[in-house]
Amino acid sequence: MDQLTTLDAGFLKAEDADRHVSLAIGGLAVIEGPIPERGALIATLAQRIRACPRFAQRLRTRPLDLGAPQWVDDPSFDLGRHVRHLALPRPGDDRELFQLAADVISRRLDRDRPLWEIWIIEGLSDNRWAMLTKIHHCMADGIAATHMLAGLCDDGIGESFASHIRAAKEPEGQRVSYRKLGVNPFRMLGGLWNASAAIAATAARTAVGAAEITAGLLRPTTTSLNGPITTLRRYGAARVPLADMTQVCQAFDVTINDVALAAITESYRNILVQRGETPLPDALRALVPVSMRSAEAFDKTDNRVSVMLPYLPVDEQHPVQRLRMVHSRLDRTKSHGQRQAGHAFVSMANRIPFPLTAWAVRLATRLPQRGVTTLATNIPGPRQPLQLMGQRVLSVFPVPPIAMQLRTGVAMLSYAEDFFFGILADYDAVADIDALTGGIELAVARLVAISKQRKLIRGRRGLSLVVNV
């Protein structure tokens, strides 16, 4: 029997703290071609679901939180309880599909059953159908959920963009290898001195990061993007070519994540301006999860994340300067040790008796939170297009959760040749969900246009130099 970690169980506590919240995460796959025959599709899914034991397990909790919840086999597991079938009025468009996804994701999963559902959706226009996978966050983080979804496809996930994340490239630990130091006492002392210095520097950086995270949670923001959450949701999505994102990266020496966050920042800025709110420098602090998952743990069903809490520069009007500010702030946040502090906190919590951590997490999730405005999580997906029963998966839209007075959440997913944004919002708080998603696409397009212009100017300067010579 597997016990939930403190982080895994924390998602259950956060859901318990607000009856309007469902802490499920989702992936909405749009698939080309006519929908397969129902019996054949169910049989295929049933066979592939068996490859992941967690799909057939439910939670066993302890009275009064005297022990961590455990994953146990469900003796009455019935696939029919988890695989559902829906149809949009033909011909269904993407907006209707997204509203259906918002309705499904807003409903809580039954904790007496395995914590997942698959919704088969037909009736889409242009000879398409869809599959919405819904998994409770206590069961998996974004990377794990993506691998679970891909495991239902014909060839699995194959090569993943996740292999390029920082944690996947890092060694499992920074332990001193005494075998490498040998028996030479001077060499051994020198190695130990260097290791001690590195540990001290990491500890100092972690302390700074912990202080920044604490301050970020306690310092309130004052925008309409924070506040109570209802039971209804809106969902919208954006899609941009990954090649366009890469072009901007090359032009300005930034990362894909920088470009994505800069586009999100511009879209939020526009929303605040349209609402008559001043986009102040401290108006948009984002919760940015950071994967701590090693390459060997991609197929593990759990949560392995830390957090960063940068301010996104909604006060900056110029798109290039905004992009550079996002890049510098993320670099500064990383160097100040927020990533290490979050990871250290989770690791420490797992070593404390569960009743104590459960009490602390329960209290923390019930406190009013106004320091963070939105969630922005970037999930690396499959590099190659997926297929399900021989049909091509055209797109995969991520669906994030919202909770703790964060009225909007943005999930990003790189898949094949495209980069997808999925925004979940409280229904009453964000009526302009299409403006948010459309603003992201326009923001990326602006950066691409500036990048092309910059490249053209450089080319002309180079040609002029050759002619003059």
Protein backbone atom coordinates (compact mmCIF):
# COMPACT_ATOMS: atom_id res chain seq x y z
CA MET A 1 0.00 0.00 0.00
CA ASP A 2 1.33 3.41 -1.01
CA GLN A 3 0.91 6.37 1.31
CA LEU A 4 0.27 9.87 0.02
CA THR A 5 3.02 12.36 0.61
CA THR A 6 2.29 15.58 2.46
CA LEU A 7 2.15 17.40 -0.88
CA ASP A 8 -0.27 14.87 -2.37
CA ALA A 9 -2.52 15.02 0.69
CA GLY A 10 -2.33 18.81 0.66
CA PHE A 11 -4.46 18.88 -2.48
CA LEU A 12 -7.18 16.98 -0.61
CA LYS A 13 -7.01 19.49 2.25
CA ALA A 14 -7.18 22.44 -0.15
CA GLU A 15 -10.30 20.93 -1.72
CA ASP A 16 -11.85 20.34 1.71
CA ALA A 17 -11.26 23.98 2.64
CA ASP A 18 -13.70 25.32 0.02
CA ARG A 19 -16.86 23.48 -1.00
CA HIS A 20 -16.81 25.35 -4.34
CA VAL A 21 -13.46 23.88 -5.38
CA SER A 22 -12.66 20.75 -7.37
CA LEU A 23 -8.93 20.05 -7.46
CA ALA A 24 -8.87 17.89 -10.55
CA ILE A 25 -6.54 18.50 -13.47
CA GLY A 26 -7.41 17.60 -17.02
CA GLY A 27 -6.25 17.06 -20.57
CA LEU A 28 -8.62 17.65 -23.47
CA ALA A 29 -7.48 15.70 -26.54
CA VAL A 30 -9.13 16.52 -29.87
CA ILE A 31 -8.87 13.58 -32.27
CA GLU A 32 -9.18 13.39 -36.05
CA GLY A 33 -11.73 11.19 -37.81
CA PRO A 34 -15.02 9.52 -36.94
CA ILE A 35 -15.40 8.34 -33.35
CA PRO A 36 -14.57 4.62 -33.01
CA GLU A 37 -17.26 2.08 -32.26
CA ARG A 38 -18.05 2.37 -28.55
CA GLY A 39 -17.39 -1.27 -27.64
CA ALA A 40 -14.01 -1.32 -29.38
CA LEU A 41 -13.00 1.98 -27.78
CA ILE A 42 -13.94 0.83 -24.28
CA ALA A 43 -12.10 -2.46 -24.77
CA THR A 44 -8.97 -0.62 -25.93
CA LEU A 45 -9.05 1.80 -23.00
CA ALA A 46 -9.68 -1.05 -20.53
CA GLN A 47 -6.61 -2.90 -21.75
CA ARG A 48 -4.37 0.15 -21.53
CA ILE A 49 -5.72 1.31 -18.19
CA ARG A 50 -4.60 -1.99 -16.64
CA ALA A 51 -1.00 -0.99 -17.34
CA CYS A 52 -1.26 1.72 -14.63
CA PRO A 53 -2.31 0.16 -11.29
CA ARG A 54 -3.27 3.54 -9.82
CA PHE A 55 -6.31 3.67 -12.12
CA ALA A 56 -7.84 0.79 -10.13
CA GLN A 57 -6.99 2.13 -6.66
CA ARG A 58 -8.95 4.35 -4.28
CA LEU A 59 -8.07 6.26 -1.15
CA ARG A 60 -8.21 4.81 2.34
CA THR A 61 -8.13 7.56 4.94
CA ARG A 62 -7.41 7.34 8.67
CA PRO A 63 -9.79 8.71 11.32
CA LEU A 64 -8.75 12.15 12.62
CA ASP A 65 -5.80 12.14 10.19
CA LEU A 66 -3.84 9.87 12.50
CA GLY A 67 -1.99 8.55 9.45
CA ALA A 68 -1.49 9.51 5.84
CA PRO A 69 -4.13 8.38 3.33
CA GLN A 70 -3.20 5.24 1.43
CA TRP A 71 -3.80 3.97 -2.08
CA VAL A 72 -5.50 0.57 -1.93
CA ASP A 73 -6.96 -1.69 -4.59
CA ASP A 74 -10.67 -1.07 -5.19
CA PRO A 75 -12.37 -4.49 -4.95
CA SER A 76 -15.46 -3.15 -6.71
CA PHE A 77 -13.65 -1.31 -9.50
CA ASP A 78 -15.97 -0.84 -12.47
CA LEU A 79 -14.67 0.82 -15.62
CA GLY A 80 -18.19 1.93 -16.47
CA ARG A 81 -18.16 4.30 -13.50
CA HIS A 82 -15.18 6.15 -14.92
CA VAL A 83 -15.54 6.17 -18.70
CA ARG A 84 -18.49 8.34 -19.71
CA HIS A 85 -19.96 9.29 -23.06
CA LEU A 86 -21.32 12.70 -24.09
CA ALA A 87 -22.46 14.30 -27.33
CA LEU A 88 -22.50 17.96 -28.34
CA PRO A 89 -25.36 19.21 -30.52
CA ARG A 90 -24.00 18.78 -34.06
CA PRO A 91 -21.99 20.46 -35.35
CA GLY A 92 -20.26 21.31 -32.08
CA ASP A 93 -17.59 24.00 -32.17
CA ASP A 94 -14.59 24.55 -29.91
CA ARG A 95 -16.41 27.04 -27.70
CA GLU A 96 -19.11 24.50 -26.89
CA LEU A 97 -16.44 21.86 -26.29
CA PHE A 98 -14.58 24.16 -23.90
CA GLN A 99 -17.73 24.99 -21.95
CA LEU A 100 -18.46 21.28 -21.60
CA ALA A 101 -14.91 20.74 -20.32
CA ALA A 102 -15.43 23.55 -17.78
CA ASP A 103 -18.63 21.92 -16.52
CA VAL A 104 -17.03 18.48 -16.20
CA ILE A 105 -13.87 19.71 -14.47
CA SER A 106 -15.88 21.75 -11.93
CA ARG A 107 -17.53 18.66 -10.43
CA ARG A 108 -15.74 16.90 -7.61
CA LEU A 109 -14.57 13.34 -8.02
CA ASP A 110 -16.08 10.67 -5.77
CA ARG A 111 -13.48 9.84 -3.11
CA ASP A 112 -15.03 6.43 -2.54
CA ARG A 113 -13.87 5.48 -6.05
CA PRO A 114 -10.59 5.74 -7.97
CA LEU A 115 -10.04 9.46 -8.51
CA TRP A 116 -10.26 9.81 -12.28
CA GLU A 117 -12.71 9.96 -15.16
CA ILE A 118 -12.54 9.83 -18.97
CA TRP A 119 -15.24 11.60 -20.95
CA ILE A 120 -15.68 10.57 -24.59
CA ILE A 121 -17.20 13.49 -26.51
CA GLU A 122 -18.73 13.24 -29.97
CA GLY A 123 -20.57 15.71 -32.17
CA LEU A 124 -17.60 17.96 -32.98
CA SER A 125 -17.47 19.73 -36.32
CA ASP A 126 -14.90 18.96 -39.04
CA ASN A 127 -15.02 15.20 -38.49
CA ARG A 128 -13.48 15.29 -35.01
CA TRP A 129 -14.16 13.85 -31.56
CA ALA A 130 -12.60 14.49 -28.17
CA MET A 131 -11.51 12.76 -24.99
CA LEU A 132 -11.33 14.63 -21.69
CA THR A 133 -9.16 12.95 -19.04
CA LYS A 134 -9.81 14.16 -15.49
CA ILE A 135 -7.48 13.19 -12.62
CA HIS A 136 -7.42 14.41 -9.03
CA HIS A 137 -4.32 16.45 -8.28
CA CYS A 138 -3.50 14.29 -5.24
CA MET A 139 -2.91 11.47 -7.73
CA ALA A 140 -0.56 13.17 -10.17
CA ASP A 141 1.08 16.44 -11.17
CA GLY A 142 1.10 17.78 -14.72
CA ILE A 143 3.96 15.65 -16.04
CA ALA A 144 2.64 12.46 -14.44
CA ALA A 145 -0.88 13.13 -15.72
CA THR A 146 0.44 13.76 -19.23
CA HIS A 147 2.26 10.44 -19.19
CA MET A 148 -0.89 8.70 -17.96
CA LEU A 149 -2.93 10.24 -20.77
CA ALA A 150 -0.30 9.35 -23.36
CA GLY A 151 -0.25 5.80 -22.00
CA LEU A 152 -3.79 5.41 -23.31
CA CYS A 153 -2.60 6.11 -26.85
CA ASP A 154 -1.26 3.61 -29.36
CA ASP A 155 2.50 4.04 -28.86
CA GLY A 156 2.66 5.72 -25.47
CA ILE A 157 4.34 9.06 -24.99
CA GLY A 158 7.55 8.29 -26.86
CA GLU A 159 10.05 11.14 -26.62
CA SER A 160 8.91 13.91 -24.31
CA PHE A 161 9.85 17.56 -23.92
CA ALA A 162 10.11 16.70 -20.21
CA SER A 163 13.58 15.26 -20.81
CA HIS A 164 14.85 18.84 -21.14
CA ILE A 165 13.58 20.19 -17.82
CA ARG A 166 16.17 21.11 -15.23
CA ALA A 167 15.33 18.38 -12.73
CA ALA A 168 15.58 15.67 -15.39
CA LYS A 169 19.13 16.72 -16.18
CA GLU A 170 20.33 17.08 -12.60
CA PRO A 171 22.07 14.26 -10.73
CA GLU A 172 19.91 12.61 -8.09
CA GLY A 173 21.90 14.14 -5.27
CA GLN A 174 24.89 16.24 -4.43
CA ARG A 175 26.40 13.63 -2.12
CA VAL A 176 30.13 13.43 -1.59
CA SER A 177 31.60 10.28 -3.11
CA TYR A 178 34.27 9.08 -0.67
CA ARG A 179 35.37 6.46 -3.18
CA LYS A 180 36.26 9.24 -5.62
CA LEU A 181 38.10 11.16 -2.87
CA GLY A 182 40.32 8.17 -2.26
CA VAL A 183 42.41 7.56 0.86
CA ASN A 184 44.63 10.63 0.50
CA PRO A 185 43.74 12.63 3.66
CA PHE A 186 44.55 16.02 2.09
CA ARG A 187 42.42 15.24 -0.94
CA MET A 188 39.64 13.98 1.33
CA LEU A 189 39.74 17.13 3.50
CA GLY A 190 39.72 19.32 0.41
CA GLY A 191 36.73 17.49 -1.00
CA LEU A 192 34.85 17.72 2.29
CA TRP A 193 35.64 21.45 2.54
CA ASN A 194 34.29 22.07 -0.96
CA ALA A 195 31.18 20.02 -0.23
CA SER A 196 30.59 21.89 3.05
CA ALA A 197 30.94 25.23 1.30
CA ALA A 198 28.46 24.17 -1.39
CA ILE A 199 25.99 22.97 1.25
CA ALA A 200 26.31 26.24 3.18
CA ALA A 201 25.73 28.29 0.02
CA THR A 202 22.69 26.20 -0.88
CA ALA A 203 21.31 26.55 2.65
CA ALA A 204 21.72 30.33 2.55
CA ARG A 205 20.05 30.55 -0.87
CA THR A 206 17.22 28.32 0.36
CA ALA A 207 16.67 30.57 3.39
CA VAL A 208 16.39 33.63 1.13
CA GLY A 209 13.93 31.75 -1.09
CA ALA A 210 11.83 30.71 1.89
CA ALA A 211 11.64 34.30 3.12
CA GLU A 212 10.56 35.51 -0.34
CA ILE A 213 7.84 32.83 -0.61
CA THR A 214 6.50 33.72 2.84
CA ALA A 215 6.49 37.44 2.06
CA GLY A 216 4.78 36.79 -1.27
CA LEU A 217 1.96 34.88 0.40
CA LEU A 218 1.42 37.50 3.10
CA ARG A 219 1.56 40.65 0.97
CA PRO A 220 -1.93 41.21 -0.50
CA THR A 221 -2.75 42.22 -4.05
CA THR A 222 -5.69 44.44 -4.92
CA THR A 223 -7.24 43.33 -8.21
CA SER A 224 -10.54 41.78 -9.18
CA LEU A 225 -8.66 38.59 -10.13
CA ASN A 226 -8.64 37.50 -6.47
CA GLY A 227 -11.66 36.65 -4.38
CA PRO A 228 -14.30 34.04 -3.61
CA ILE A 229 -14.89 31.21 -6.08
CA THR A 230 -18.27 29.85 -7.13
CA THR A 231 -19.04 26.32 -8.34
CA LEU A 232 -19.23 27.31 -12.02
CA ARG A 233 -16.28 27.60 -14.41
CA ARG A 234 -15.33 29.00 -17.78
CA TYR A 235 -12.61 27.43 -19.90
CA GLY A 236 -10.78 28.83 -22.89
CA ALA A 237 -7.71 27.80 -24.85
CA ALA A 238 -5.07 29.28 -27.14
CA ARG A 239 -2.71 27.61 -29.58
CA VAL A 240 0.47 28.97 -31.14
CA PRO A 241 3.11 27.28 -33.30
CA LEU A 242 6.10 26.14 -31.29
CA ALA A 243 8.31 27.42 -34.12
CA ASP A 244 7.04 30.96 -33.44
CA MET A 245 7.93 30.64 -29.75
CA THR A 246 11.39 29.34 -30.70
CA GLN A 247 11.95 32.26 -33.08
CA VAL A 248 11.30 34.74 -30.28
CA CYS A 249 13.65 32.79 -28.00
CA GLN A 250 16.46 33.00 -30.53
CA ALA A 251 15.88 36.69 -31.21
CA PHE A 252 16.01 37.75 -27.55
CA ASP A 253 18.00 34.94 -25.88
CA VAL A 254 15.15 33.84 -23.60
CA THR A 255 13.34 30.57 -22.91
CA ILE A 256 10.03 29.18 -24.12
CA ASN A 257 8.67 29.65 -20.60
CA ASP A 258 9.72 33.32 -20.67
CA VAL A 259 7.83 33.90 -23.92
CA ALA A 260 4.73 32.12 -22.63
CA LEU A 261 4.68 34.07 -19.36
CA ALA A 262 5.27 37.36 -21.18
CA ALA A 263 2.26 36.63 -23.42
CA ILE A 264 0.12 35.75 -20.39
CA THR A 265 1.26 38.98 -18.70
CA GLU A 266 0.22 41.12 -21.67
CA SER A 267 -3.20 39.47 -21.81
CA TYR A 268 -3.80 40.01 -18.09
CA ARG A 269 -2.65 43.61 -18.43
CA ASN A 270 -5.22 44.20 -21.16
CA ILE A 271 -7.97 42.69 -19.01
CA LEU A 272 -7.11 44.92 -16.05
CA VAL A 273 -7.01 48.03 -18.25
CA GLN A 274 -10.36 47.13 -19.82
CA ARG A 275 -11.83 46.83 -16.34
CA GLY A 276 -10.55 50.26 -15.39
CA GLU A 277 -7.96 48.87 -12.97
CA THR A 278 -4.42 50.22 -12.91
CA PRO A 279 -1.90 47.44 -13.66
CA LEU A 280 0.47 48.15 -10.77
CA PRO A 281 3.92 46.51 -10.47
CA ASP A 282 2.69 44.21 -7.68
CA ALA A 283 -0.72 43.43 -9.20
CA LEU A 284 0.11 40.03 -10.67
CA ARG A 285 2.09 37.66 -8.52
CA ALA A 286 1.95 34.21 -10.10
CA LEU A 287 2.28 30.77 -8.57
CA VAL A 288 4.68 29.04 -10.95
CA PRO A 289 5.14 25.32 -10.18
CA VAL A 290 8.60 23.93 -10.89
CA SER A 291 9.06 20.23 -11.58
CA MET A 292 11.46 18.36 -9.30
CA ARG A 293 10.86 15.11 -11.21
CA SER A 294 13.95 13.21 -12.30
CA ALA A 295 14.09 11.39 -15.62
CA GLU A 296 13.76 8.07 -13.78
CA ALA A 297 10.43 9.12 -12.23
CA PHE A 298 8.46 10.26 -15.29
CA ASP A 299 6.14 7.25 -15.00
CA LYS A 300 5.47 7.65 -11.25
CA THR A 301 1.95 8.72 -10.30
CA ASP A 302 2.48 11.39 -7.66
CA ASN A 303 3.41 15.06 -7.25
CA ARG A 304 7.02 16.18 -7.45
CA VAL A 305 6.96 19.95 -7.69
CA SER A 306 8.28 23.03 -5.99
CA VAL A 307 7.08 26.61 -6.50
CA MET A 308 8.24 30.08 -7.44
CA LEU A 309 6.25 33.26 -6.83
CA PRO A 310 7.48 35.94 -9.28
CA TYR A 311 5.71 39.19 -9.99
CA LEU A 312 4.72 39.33 -13.64
CA PRO A 313 5.31 42.86 -15.04
CA VAL A 314 1.76 43.89 -15.97
CA ASP A 315 2.82 47.51 -15.44
CA GLU A 316 5.18 47.37 -18.45
CA GLN A 317 3.60 48.45 -21.72
CA HIS A 318 6.32 47.60 -24.27
CA PRO A 319 6.28 43.90 -25.28
CA VAL A 320 10.05 43.45 -25.64
CA GLN A 321 10.85 45.17 -22.37
CA ARG A 322 8.11 43.09 -20.72
CA LEU A 323 9.69 39.89 -22.10
CA ARG A 324 13.11 40.91 -20.79
CA MET A 325 11.66 41.74 -17.39
CA VAL A 326 9.98 38.31 -17.20
CA HIS A 327 13.29 36.66 -18.08
CA SER A 328 15.28 38.64 -15.50
CA ARG A 329 12.71 38.15 -12.76
CA LEU A 330 12.57 34.41 -13.28
CA ASP A 331 16.38 34.26 -13.29
CA ARG A 332 16.48 36.26 -10.07
CA THR A 333 13.78 34.12 -8.48
CA LYS A 334 15.69 30.95 -9.36
CA SER A 335 18.99 32.35 -8.06
CA HIS A 336 17.36 33.41 -4.79
CA GLY A 337 16.46 29.81 -3.99
CA GLN A 338 12.65 29.76 -4.11
CA ARG A 339 12.75 26.49 -6.02
CA GLN A 340 15.05 24.93 -3.42
CA ALA A 341 13.04 26.37 -0.53
CA GLY A 342 9.77 24.88 -1.75
CA HIS A 343 11.39 21.51 -2.31
CA ALA A 344 13.09 21.62 1.11
CA PHE A 345 9.78 22.46 2.80
CA VAL A 346 8.02 19.51 1.14
CA SER A 347 10.90 17.14 1.96
CA MET A 348 10.92 18.29 5.59
CA ALA A 349 7.14 17.97 5.88
CA ASN A 350 7.32 14.36 4.75
CA ARG A 351 9.53 13.62 7.77
CA ILE A 352 7.14 15.14 10.30
CA PRO A 353 4.36 12.96 11.77
CA PHE A 354 1.39 13.21 9.44
CA PRO A 355 -1.17 14.40 12.05
CA LEU A 356 0.95 17.53 12.63
CA THR A 357 1.43 18.33 8.95
CA ALA A 358 -2.26 17.60 8.24
CA TRP A 359 -3.29 20.09 10.91
CA ALA A 360 -0.88 22.72 9.58
CA VAL A 361 -1.96 22.26 5.96
CA ARG A 362 -5.64 22.33 6.93
CA LEU A 363 -5.11 25.63 8.75
CA ALA A 364 -3.08 27.13 5.90
CA THR A 365 -5.65 26.26 3.25
CA ARG A 366 -8.45 27.88 5.27
CA LEU A 367 -6.66 31.20 5.74
CA PRO A 368 -7.68 34.01 3.32
CA GLN A 369 -5.08 34.17 0.55
CA ARG A 370 -4.65 37.39 -1.43
CA GLY A 371 -0.92 37.40 -2.09
CA VAL A 372 -1.04 35.31 -5.27
CA THR A 373 -3.24 36.24 -8.24
CA THR A 374 -2.98 33.38 -10.69
CA LEU A 375 -1.46 29.99 -11.41
CA ALA A 376 0.86 29.57 -14.41
CA THR A 377 2.11 26.03 -14.90
CA ASN A 378 4.14 24.80 -17.88
CA ILE A 379 3.90 21.08 -18.70
CA PRO A 380 6.27 19.48 -21.22
CA GLY A 381 4.33 17.05 -23.40
CA PRO A 382 5.06 14.52 -26.15
CA ARG A 383 7.40 15.56 -28.95
CA GLN A 384 5.68 13.42 -31.58
CA PRO A 385 1.98 13.39 -32.50
CA LEU A 386 -0.04 10.77 -30.63
CA GLN A 387 -2.54 8.36 -32.11
CA LEU A 388 -5.52 6.61 -30.55
CA MET A 389 -6.82 3.54 -32.38
CA GLY A 390 -4.98 4.72 -35.48
CA GLN A 391 -6.47 8.23 -35.40
CA ARG A 392 -4.26 11.29 -34.97
CA VAL A 393 -4.52 13.42 -31.84
CA LEU A 394 -4.73 16.91 -33.32
CA SER A 395 -4.38 18.89 -30.12
CA VAL A 396 -4.07 18.48 -26.36
CA PHE A 397 -5.44 21.35 -24.29
CA PRO A 398 -4.39 21.34 -20.61
CA VAL A 399 -7.01 22.13 -17.95
CA PRO A 400 -5.63 23.50 -14.65
CA PRO A 401 -7.44 23.70 -11.29
CA ILE A 402 -8.33 26.88 -9.39
CA ALA A 403 -8.53 27.20 -5.61
CA MET A 404 -7.61 29.37 -2.63
CA GLN A 405 -9.11 32.55 -4.11
CA LEU A 406 -7.14 32.29 -7.35
CA ARG A 407 -9.97 32.96 -9.75
CA THR A 408 -7.94 32.02 -12.81
CA GLY A 409 -5.35 29.40 -13.62
CA VAL A 410 -3.26 28.98 -16.76
CA ALA A 411 -1.74 25.68 -17.86
CA MET A 412 0.68 25.45 -20.77
CA LEU A 413 1.55 22.32 -22.71
CA SER A 414 4.06 21.72 -25.49
CA TYR A 415 2.84 19.00 -27.84
CA ALA A 416 4.39 18.05 -31.17
CA GLU A 417 4.68 21.27 -33.21
CA ASP A 418 2.40 23.47 -31.10
CA PHE A 419 2.24 25.17 -27.73
CA PHE A 420 -1.14 25.15 -25.99
CA PHE A 421 -2.55 27.43 -23.29
CA GLY A 422 -5.57 26.39 -21.24
CA ILE A 423 -7.27 28.88 -18.89
CA LEU A 424 -9.78 27.85 -16.25
CA ALA A 425 -11.64 30.71 -14.58
CA ASP A 426 -14.43 31.25 -12.12
CA TYR A 427 -17.61 31.83 -14.11
CA ASP A 428 -18.65 35.02 -12.29
CA ALA A 429 -15.17 36.51 -12.00
CA VAL A 430 -14.05 36.28 -15.64
CA ALA A 431 -16.78 36.71 -18.22
CA ASP A 432 -14.13 37.69 -20.79
CA ILE A 433 -12.35 34.33 -21.02
CA ASP A 434 -12.07 34.64 -24.82
CA ALA A 435 -10.34 37.99 -24.38
CA LEU A 436 -7.75 36.32 -22.16
CA THR A 437 -7.01 33.50 -24.59
CA GLY A 438 -7.14 35.74 -27.65
CA GLY A 439 -4.84 38.20 -25.93
CA ILE A 440 -2.23 35.48 -25.44
CA GLU A 441 -2.24 34.61 -29.14
CA LEU A 442 -1.98 38.29 -30.10
CA ALA A 443 0.87 38.83 -27.63
CA VAL A 444 2.88 35.97 -29.13
CA ALA A 445 2.13 37.26 -32.65
CA ARG A 446 3.45 40.70 -31.68
CA LEU A 447 6.68 39.25 -30.36
CA VAL A 448 7.07 37.14 -33.51
CA ALA A 449 6.56 40.21 -35.72
CA ILE A 450 9.15 42.17 -33.73
CA SER A 451 11.56 39.23 -33.94
CA LYS A 452 11.21 39.09 -37.73
CA GLN A 453 11.70 42.82 -38.02
CA ARG A 454 14.76 42.61 -35.80
CA LYS A 455 16.19 39.81 -37.94
CA LEU A 456 15.51 41.79 -41.13
CA ILE A 457 17.28 44.87 -39.76
CA ARG A 458 20.28 42.79 -38.75
CA GLY A 459 20.36 41.24 -42.21
CA ARG A 460 20.33 44.64 -43.86
CA ARG A 461 23.11 45.88 -41.60
CA GLY A 462 25.18 42.83 -42.45
CA LEU A 463 24.61 43.35 -46.18
CA SER A 464 25.50 47.04 -45.86
CA LEU A 465 28.70 46.13 -44.08
CA VAL A 466 29.67 43.70 -46.86
CA VAL A 467 28.96 46.30 -49.56
CA ASN A 468 30.98 48.99 -47.76
CA VAL A 469 33.90 46.65 -47.35
